[in-house]
Amino acid sequence: MATESTTGLALVSTFCPDRVGLVSGITSHLFEQGINLRDATFASLGTGAEFSAVCELPAGLTVAEVQASLSSLPVLSGAEVKVTPFAFDPQPGPQAMVTHRVEVSGGDQPGLVARLSEIFTQFDANIVRLDAQTLPDRAGERYVLRFSVSIPAERAEICLSAVANTAETLGLICRTEEV
């Protein structure tokens, strides 16, 4: 059975109420079990929080054991915990090399993420990471989108111009940074 694999990679995912010490509690527990973290993400989502990581399991430790032990942690009380075998290559490919960071901010608009992500697709740019947040400011709320993207060098200038032009048309501010 795949979930009883004794060595290899696993995807650890948790979703629960956000609380202080969540990342520390999860990662300390994984470390104590001899688990090495590879790529990992954490985000507060409203009053909830999501943590996920590709993990290298030591020989003899099963995904079922990792899931059971995480589920018993007090910091994960009430959490959805899922640990599954990770079947993908954990080494990032060339499309995961971030070449630019793009931040678009202003008022939230329906379809904004879809519209901007379509522009990246048109220029064969891969979105490596995406972060979207509603932040309070003096005027009420500000929506901030942050993209870490891999853009082919020969298409970078025109792609970034298209994103900036779209943002401007929508009354948003766009900042870009070459990495």
C-alpha atoms as a PDB file:
ATOM      1  CA  MET A   1       0.000   0.000   0.000  1.00  0.00           C
ATOM      2  CA  ALA A   2       1.452   3.402  -1.036  1.00  0.00           C
ATOM      3  CA  THR A   3       0.663   5.083   2.294  1.00  0.00           C
ATOM      4  CA  GLU A   4       2.785   2.495   4.109  1.00  0.00           C
ATOM      5  CA  SER A   5       5.989   3.392   2.263  1.00  0.00           C
ATOM      6  CA  THR A   6       8.855   3.293   4.741  1.00  0.00           C
ATOM      7  CA  THR A   7      11.157   5.746   2.974  1.00  0.00           C
ATOM      8  CA  GLY A   8      10.803   8.615   0.588  1.00  0.00           C
ATOM      9  CA  LEU A   9       8.921  11.810   0.243  1.00  0.00           C
ATOM     10  CA  ALA A  10       5.610  12.889   1.702  1.00  0.00           C
ATOM     11  CA  LEU A  11       3.384  15.931   1.368  1.00  0.00           C
ATOM     12  CA  VAL A  12       2.306  17.210   4.778  1.00  0.00           C
ATOM     13  CA  SER A  13      -0.738  19.511   4.726  1.00  0.00           C
ATOM     14  CA  THR A  14      -2.554  21.094   7.631  1.00  0.00           C
ATOM     15  CA  PHE A  15      -5.477  23.502   7.831  1.00  0.00           C
ATOM     16  CA  CYS A  16      -6.693  24.842  11.154  1.00  0.00           C
ATOM     17  CA  PRO A  17      -7.525  27.980  13.109  1.00  0.00           C
ATOM     18  CA  ASP A  18      -4.603  30.407  13.028  1.00  0.00           C
ATOM     19  CA  ARG A  19      -2.741  30.664  16.311  1.00  0.00           C
ATOM     20  CA  VAL A  20       0.623  31.736  17.671  1.00  0.00           C
ATOM     21  CA  GLY A  21       3.208  28.947  17.603  1.00  0.00           C
ATOM     22  CA  LEU A  22       1.640  26.975  14.781  1.00  0.00           C
ATOM     23  CA  VAL A  23       4.662  26.886  12.461  1.00  0.00           C
ATOM     24  CA  SER A  24       7.032  26.288  15.369  1.00  0.00           C
ATOM     25  CA  GLY A  25       4.893  23.462  16.739  1.00  0.00           C
ATOM     26  CA  ILE A  26       4.587  21.675  13.398  1.00  0.00           C
ATOM     27  CA  THR A  27       8.185  22.074  12.255  1.00  0.00           C
ATOM     28  CA  SER A  28       9.668  21.205  15.668  1.00  0.00           C
ATOM     29  CA  HIS A  29       7.599  18.023  15.752  1.00  0.00           C
ATOM     30  CA  LEU A  30       8.694  17.042  12.246  1.00  0.00           C
ATOM     31  CA  PHE A  31      12.351  17.737  13.123  1.00  0.00           C
ATOM     32  CA  GLU A  32      12.101  15.597  16.273  1.00  0.00           C
ATOM     33  CA  GLN A  33      10.910  12.707  14.082  1.00  0.00           C
ATOM     34  CA  GLY A  34      13.987  13.053  11.865  1.00  0.00           C
ATOM     35  CA  ILE A  35      11.997  14.538   8.989  1.00  0.00           C
ATOM     36  CA  ASN A  36      13.775  16.977   6.679  1.00  0.00           C
ATOM     37  CA  LEU A  37      11.674  19.799   5.187  1.00  0.00           C
ATOM     38  CA  ARG A  38      12.092  20.639   1.537  1.00  0.00           C
ATOM     39  CA  ASP A  39       9.764  23.223  -0.066  1.00  0.00           C
ATOM     40  CA  ALA A  40       7.288  24.557   2.483  1.00  0.00           C
ATOM     41  CA  THR A  41       4.596  27.236   2.650  1.00  0.00           C
ATOM     42  CA  PHE A  42       2.528  28.803   5.388  1.00  0.00           C
ATOM     43  CA  ALA A  43      -0.290  31.299   5.098  1.00  0.00           C
ATOM     44  CA  SER A  44      -2.919  32.835   7.318  1.00  0.00           C
ATOM     45  CA  LEU A  45      -6.207  32.632   5.436  1.00  0.00           C
ATOM     46  CA  GLY A  46      -8.696  34.800   7.262  1.00  0.00           C
ATOM     47  CA  THR A  47      -8.818  33.310  10.757  1.00  0.00           C
ATOM     48  CA  GLY A  48      -7.553  29.983   9.420  1.00  0.00           C
ATOM     49  CA  ALA A  49      -4.039  28.912   8.544  1.00  0.00           C
ATOM     50  CA  GLU A  50      -2.535  26.508   6.072  1.00  0.00           C
ATOM     51  CA  PHE A  51       0.865  24.830   6.239  1.00  0.00           C
ATOM     52  CA  SER A  52       2.205  22.453   3.614  1.00  0.00           C
ATOM     53  CA  ALA A  53       5.622  20.972   3.003  1.00  0.00           C
ATOM     54  CA  VAL A  54       7.381  18.326   0.977  1.00  0.00           C
ATOM     55  CA  CYS A  55       9.171  16.213   3.577  1.00  0.00           C
ATOM     56  CA  GLU A  56      11.903  13.588   3.437  1.00  0.00           C
ATOM     57  CA  LEU A  57      10.900  10.773   5.756  1.00  0.00           C
ATOM     58  CA  PRO A  58      13.580   8.727   7.492  1.00  0.00           C
ATOM     59  CA  ALA A  59      13.666   4.967   6.864  1.00  0.00           C
ATOM     60  CA  GLY A  60      11.052   3.153   8.893  1.00  0.00           C
ATOM     61  CA  LEU A  61       8.650   6.082   9.341  1.00  0.00           C
ATOM     62  CA  THR A  62       5.376   5.791   7.419  1.00  0.00           C
ATOM     63  CA  VAL A  63       3.077   8.556   6.204  1.00  0.00           C
ATOM     64  CA  ALA A  64       0.331   7.066   8.403  1.00  0.00           C
ATOM     65  CA  GLU A  65       2.573   7.429  11.481  1.00  0.00           C
ATOM     66  CA  VAL A  66       3.420  11.021  10.583  1.00  0.00           C
ATOM     67  CA  GLN A  67      -0.249  11.868  10.104  1.00  0.00           C
ATOM     68  CA  ALA A  68      -1.236  10.245  13.413  1.00  0.00           C
ATOM     69  CA  SER A  69       1.517  11.989  15.357  1.00  0.00           C
ATOM     70  CA  LEU A  70       0.742  15.417  13.860  1.00  0.00           C
ATOM     71  CA  SER A  71      -2.964  14.956  14.504  1.00  0.00           C
ATOM     72  CA  SER A  72      -2.243  14.406  18.202  1.00  0.00           C
ATOM     73  CA  LEU A  73      -0.366  17.722  18.644  1.00  0.00           C
ATOM     74  CA  PRO A  74      -2.185  20.242  20.872  1.00  0.00           C
ATOM     75  CA  VAL A  75      -1.224  23.076  18.485  1.00  0.00           C
ATOM     76  CA  LEU A  76      -3.113  21.211  15.744  1.00  0.00           C
ATOM     77  CA  SER A  77      -6.258  20.690  17.792  1.00  0.00           C
ATOM     78  CA  GLY A  78      -9.219  20.894  15.412  1.00  0.00           C
ATOM     79  CA  ALA A  79      -6.966  20.740  12.342  1.00  0.00           C
ATOM     80  CA  GLU A  80      -7.391  18.921   9.076  1.00  0.00           C
ATOM     81  CA  VAL A  81      -4.118  17.001   8.772  1.00  0.00           C
ATOM     82  CA  LYS A  82      -3.228  15.074   5.637  1.00  0.00           C
ATOM     83  CA  VAL A  83       0.025  13.266   4.890  1.00  0.00           C
ATOM     84  CA  THR A  84       0.384  11.543   1.523  1.00  0.00           C
ATOM     85  CA  PRO A  85       3.237  10.122  -0.535  1.00  0.00           C
ATOM     86  CA  PHE A  86       4.810  12.778  -2.772  1.00  0.00           C
ATOM     87  CA  ALA A  87       5.234  11.332  -6.261  1.00  0.00           C
ATOM     88  CA  PHE A  88       6.794  14.350  -8.006  1.00  0.00           C
ATOM     89  CA  ASP A  89      10.481  15.156  -8.370  1.00  0.00           C
ATOM     90  CA  PRO A  90      11.326  17.417  -5.427  1.00  0.00           C
ATOM     91  CA  GLN A  91      14.083  19.174  -7.393  1.00  0.00           C
ATOM     92  CA  PRO A  92      12.765  22.389  -8.964  1.00  0.00           C
ATOM     93  CA  GLY A  93      12.892  22.476 -12.743  1.00  0.00           C
ATOM     94  CA  PRO A  94      13.955  25.472 -14.833  1.00  0.00           C
ATOM     95  CA  GLN A  95      10.405  26.890 -14.793  1.00  0.00           C
ATOM     96  CA  ALA A  96      10.666  27.228 -11.008  1.00  0.00           C
ATOM     97  CA  MET A  97      13.613  29.655 -11.221  1.00  0.00           C
ATOM     98  CA  VAL A  98      12.114  32.970 -10.156  1.00  0.00           C
ATOM     99  CA  THR A  99      13.254  35.741 -12.490  1.00  0.00           C
ATOM    100  CA  HIS A 100      10.871  38.512 -11.373  1.00  0.00           C
ATOM    101  CA  ARG A 101       8.624  39.530  -8.524  1.00  0.00           C
ATOM    102  CA  VAL A 102       5.491  41.473  -9.388  1.00  0.00           C
ATOM    103  CA  GLU A 103       3.242  43.254  -6.901  1.00  0.00           C
ATOM    104  CA  VAL A 104      -0.125  44.689  -7.903  1.00  0.00           C
ATOM    105  CA  SER A 105      -2.135  46.587  -5.312  1.00  0.00           C
ATOM    106  CA  GLY A 106      -5.252  48.675  -4.963  1.00  0.00           C
ATOM    107  CA  GLY A 107      -8.923  47.885  -4.786  1.00  0.00           C
ATOM    108  CA  ASP A 108     -10.094  44.297  -5.085  1.00  0.00           C
ATOM    109  CA  GLN A 109     -11.832  43.485  -8.351  1.00  0.00           C
ATOM    110  CA  PRO A 110     -13.622  40.294  -9.396  1.00  0.00           C
ATOM    111  CA  GLY A 111     -11.474  38.231 -11.764  1.00  0.00           C
ATOM    112  CA  LEU A 112      -8.273  40.139 -11.012  1.00  0.00           C
ATOM    113  CA  VAL A 113      -6.124  37.076 -10.277  1.00  0.00           C
ATOM    114  CA  ALA A 114      -7.463  35.296 -13.368  1.00  0.00           C
ATOM    115  CA  ARG A 115      -6.873  38.318 -15.585  1.00  0.00           C
ATOM    116  CA  LEU A 116      -3.280  38.871 -14.471  1.00  0.00           C
ATOM    117  CA  SER A 117      -2.372  35.183 -14.482  1.00  0.00           C
ATOM    118  CA  GLU A 118      -3.642  34.912 -18.080  1.00  0.00           C
ATOM    119  CA  ILE A 119      -1.114  37.574 -19.099  1.00  0.00           C
ATOM    120  CA  PHE A 120       1.733  35.501 -17.685  1.00  0.00           C
ATOM    121  CA  THR A 121       0.443  32.469 -19.605  1.00  0.00           C
ATOM    122  CA  GLN A 122       0.396  34.447 -22.882  1.00  0.00           C
ATOM    123  CA  PHE A 123       4.141  35.066 -22.486  1.00  0.00           C
ATOM    124  CA  ASP A 124       5.038  31.508 -21.390  1.00  0.00           C
ATOM    125  CA  ALA A 125       5.796  32.782 -17.881  1.00  0.00           C
ATOM    126  CA  ASN A 126       5.367  30.317 -15.033  1.00  0.00           C
ATOM    127  CA  ILE A 127       3.866  31.498 -11.751  1.00  0.00           C
ATOM    128  CA  VAL A 128       6.101  29.951  -9.090  1.00  0.00           C
ATOM    129  CA  ARG A 129       4.381  31.528  -6.083  1.00  0.00           C
ATOM    130  CA  LEU A 130       1.250  33.608  -5.639  1.00  0.00           C
ATOM    131  CA  ASP A 131       0.153  35.487  -2.560  1.00  0.00           C
ATOM    132  CA  ALA A 132      -3.055  37.528  -2.361  1.00  0.00           C
ATOM    133  CA  GLN A 133      -4.140  39.464   0.719  1.00  0.00           C
ATOM    134  CA  THR A 134      -6.696  42.018   1.788  1.00  0.00           C
ATOM    135  CA  LEU A 135      -4.894  44.509   4.017  1.00  0.00           C
ATOM    136  CA  PRO A 136      -6.349  47.364   6.042  1.00  0.00           C
ATOM    137  CA  ASP A 137      -5.175  50.878   5.212  1.00  0.00           C
ATOM    138  CA  ARG A 138      -6.345  54.445   5.792  1.00  0.00           C
ATOM    139  CA  ALA A 139      -8.902  54.287   3.003  1.00  0.00           C
ATOM    140  CA  GLY A 140     -10.425  51.023   4.230  1.00  0.00           C
ATOM    141  CA  GLU A 141      -8.961  47.992   2.517  1.00  0.00           C
ATOM    142  CA  ARG A 142      -6.220  47.376  -0.003  1.00  0.00           C
ATOM    143  CA  TYR A 143      -5.873  44.182  -2.038  1.00  0.00           C
ATOM    144  CA  VAL A 144      -2.293  43.107  -2.677  1.00  0.00           C
ATOM    145  CA  LEU A 145      -1.230  40.434  -5.166  1.00  0.00           C
ATOM    146  CA  ARG A 146       2.358  39.213  -5.208  1.00  0.00           C
ATOM    147  CA  PHE A 147       3.599  36.974  -7.982  1.00  0.00           C
ATOM    148  CA  SER A 148       7.003  35.288  -8.108  1.00  0.00           C
ATOM    149  CA  VAL A 149       7.372  34.316 -11.750  1.00  0.00           C
ATOM    150  CA  SER A 150       9.769  32.705 -14.170  1.00  0.00           C
ATOM    151  CA  ILE A 151       9.639  34.676 -17.409  1.00  0.00           C
ATOM    152  CA  PRO A 152      11.693  33.724 -20.489  1.00  0.00           C
ATOM    153  CA  ALA A 153      14.335  36.448 -20.857  1.00  0.00           C
ATOM    154  CA  GLU A 154      13.295  37.321 -24.407  1.00  0.00           C
ATOM    155  CA  ARG A 155       9.691  37.911 -23.289  1.00  0.00           C
ATOM    156  CA  ALA A 156      10.259  39.551 -19.904  1.00  0.00           C
ATOM    157  CA  GLU A 157      10.042  43.199 -20.954  1.00  0.00           C
ATOM    158  CA  ILE A 158       6.844  42.868 -22.974  1.00  0.00           C
ATOM    159  CA  CYS A 159       5.229  40.576 -20.371  1.00  0.00           C
ATOM    160  CA  LEU A 160       5.934  42.994 -17.533  1.00  0.00           C
ATOM    161  CA  SER A 161       4.688  45.905 -19.657  1.00  0.00           C
ATOM    162  CA  ALA A 162       1.437  44.055 -20.341  1.00  0.00           C
ATOM    163  CA  VAL A 163       0.936  43.391 -16.612  1.00  0.00           C
ATOM    164  CA  ALA A 164       1.709  47.035 -15.737  1.00  0.00           C
ATOM    165  CA  ASN A 165      -0.610  48.344 -18.471  1.00  0.00           C
ATOM    166  CA  THR A 166      -3.444  46.086 -17.311  1.00  0.00           C
ATOM    167  CA  ALA A 167      -2.936  47.177 -13.705  1.00  0.00           C
ATOM    168  CA  GLU A 168      -2.950  50.843 -14.715  1.00  0.00           C
ATOM    169  CA  THR A 169      -6.138  50.363 -16.764  1.00  0.00           C
ATOM    170  CA  LEU A 170      -7.772  48.899 -13.640  1.00  0.00           C
ATOM    171  CA  GLY A 171      -6.581  51.786 -11.454  1.00  0.00           C
ATOM    172  CA  LEU A 172      -4.038  49.635  -9.629  1.00  0.00           C
ATOM    173  CA  ILE A 173      -0.387  50.141  -8.747  1.00  0.00           C
ATOM    174  CA  CYS A 174       2.179  47.730 -10.204  1.00  0.00           C
ATOM    175  CA  ARG A 175       5.741  47.232  -9.011  1.00  0.00           C
ATOM    176  CA  THR A 176       8.209  44.812 -10.550  1.00  0.00           C
ATOM    177  CA  GLU A 177      11.606  43.590  -9.460  1.00  0.00           C
ATOM    178  CA  GLU A 178      14.114  41.512 -11.383  1.00  0.00           C
ATOM    179  CA  VAL A 179      15.607  38.778  -9.224  1.00  0.00           C
END
